[in-house]
Amino acid sequence: MPWSHAVIDCVERRAVTGTPIAEYVPERLVNDRLALVGDAAHVPTPMTGNGFSASFKDALALAECLIDASTIRAYVPALLGYPITLDRLLPGLPKSI
């Protein structure tokens, strides 16, 4: 392992730095005809490497909610299901209110 010597050296010298892992969670994902998706909805930390996956599932959840909405007026009630659908697709994601 090429990293093992460097890790052992850092630990022995107590030269290890920790970075807290936290993600921004907005108060809500939907407001009228506006829905936050991707990095705007989650702002993932680069430490988890989950940004693309979460954004892709956001788009999938949004598509599932809007597929049967045939008019602009139907979008508003359809979007109310977006956080619920997103929770089903990304169960470990921090929740918005």
Protein backbone atom coordinates (compact mmCIF):
# COMPACT_ATOMS: atom_id res chain seq x y z
CA MET A 1 0.00 0.00 0.00
CA PRO A 2 1.61 3.25 -1.12
CA TRP A 3 -0.45 5.33 1.33
CA SER A 4 0.22 3.27 4.42
CA HIS A 5 3.61 4.83 5.20
CA ALA A 6 2.28 8.36 4.76
CA VAL A 7 -0.77 7.66 6.98
CA ILE A 8 1.33 6.04 9.70
CA ASP A 9 3.80 8.95 9.60
CA CYS A 10 1.00 11.53 9.93
CA VAL A 11 -0.63 9.68 12.82
CA GLU A 12 2.67 9.28 14.66
CA ARG A 13 3.45 13.00 14.26
CA ARG A 14 -0.14 13.88 15.16
CA ALA A 15 -0.38 15.77 11.89
CA VAL A 16 -3.89 14.61 11.06
CA THR A 17 -6.59 17.14 10.26
CA GLY A 18 -10.28 16.31 10.45
CA THR A 19 -12.95 17.96 8.38
CA PRO A 20 -16.57 17.78 9.52
CA ILE A 21 -18.97 16.44 6.93
CA ALA A 22 -22.16 18.49 6.72
CA GLU A 23 -24.62 19.29 3.98
CA TYR A 24 -26.82 22.34 3.59
CA VAL A 25 -30.50 21.46 3.78
CA PRO A 26 -33.00 24.10 2.61
CA GLU A 27 -36.18 24.72 4.61
CA ARG A 28 -38.30 23.30 1.78
CA LEU A 29 -37.79 21.89 -1.69
CA VAL A 30 -41.02 23.15 -3.27
CA ASN A 31 -42.67 26.55 -3.29
CA ASP A 32 -45.59 26.98 -5.69
CA ARG A 33 -44.19 26.22 -9.20
CA LEU A 34 -40.54 26.22 -8.11
CA ALA A 35 -38.65 23.07 -7.10
CA LEU A 36 -35.02 22.90 -5.98
CA VAL A 37 -33.04 20.04 -7.50
CA GLY A 38 -29.42 18.93 -7.60
CA ASP A 39 -26.83 20.97 -5.74
CA ALA A 40 -29.37 23.71 -5.04
CA ALA A 41 -31.43 21.22 -3.05
CA HIS A 42 -28.66 19.42 -1.21
CA VAL A 43 -25.30 21.20 -1.56
CA PRO A 44 -23.40 17.97 -0.93
CA THR A 45 -19.97 18.05 0.60
CA PRO A 46 -17.23 16.90 -1.79
CA MET A 47 -16.10 14.51 0.94
CA THR A 48 -19.04 12.17 0.28
CA GLY A 49 -18.83 12.10 -3.52
CA ASN A 50 -22.62 11.89 -3.77
CA GLY A 51 -23.43 14.98 -5.85
CA PHE A 52 -24.08 13.42 -9.26
CA SER A 53 -26.07 10.51 -7.86
CA ALA A 54 -28.30 12.79 -5.76
CA SER A 55 -28.83 15.17 -8.69
CA PHE A 56 -29.76 12.31 -11.00
CA LYS A 57 -32.28 10.97 -8.48
CA ASP A 58 -33.66 14.50 -8.03
CA ALA A 59 -34.39 14.64 -11.74
CA LEU A 60 -35.97 11.19 -11.63
CA ALA A 61 -38.19 12.16 -8.66
CA LEU A 62 -39.22 15.38 -10.39
CA ALA A 63 -40.07 13.53 -13.60
CA GLU A 64 -42.14 10.98 -11.66
CA CYS A 65 -44.14 13.78 -10.04
CA LEU A 66 -44.74 15.75 -13.22
CA ILE A 67 -45.35 12.95 -15.73
CA ASP A 68 -49.13 13.09 -15.33
CA ALA A 69 -49.39 16.88 -14.99
CA SER A 70 -50.85 17.95 -18.32
CA THR A 71 -51.17 21.69 -17.61
CA ILE A 72 -49.22 24.37 -15.78
CA ARG A 73 -51.98 24.46 -13.14
CA ALA A 74 -51.49 20.75 -12.52
CA TYR A 75 -47.78 21.29 -11.77
CA VAL A 76 -48.33 22.92 -8.38
CA PRO A 77 -50.17 19.98 -6.76
CA ALA A 78 -47.92 17.52 -8.59
CA LEU A 79 -44.80 19.20 -7.16
CA LEU A 80 -46.07 18.68 -3.62
CA GLY A 81 -45.21 14.99 -4.06
CA TYR A 82 -41.60 15.75 -5.01
CA PRO A 83 -40.11 15.67 -1.46
CA ILE A 84 -41.97 12.42 -0.73
CA THR A 85 -40.78 10.80 -3.96
CA LEU A 86 -37.26 12.06 -3.32
CA ASP A 87 -37.31 10.54 0.16
CA ARG A 88 -38.23 7.19 -1.39
CA LEU A 89 -35.37 7.39 -3.91
CA LEU A 90 -32.78 8.83 -1.50
CA PRO A 91 -33.74 7.54 1.94
CA GLY A 92 -30.51 8.57 3.68
CA LEU A 93 -30.60 12.17 2.52
CA PRO A 94 -30.96 14.89 5.18
CA LYS A 95 -34.59 16.06 5.14
CA SER A 96 -36.01 19.47 4.38
CA ILE A 97 -38.98 20.64 6.41
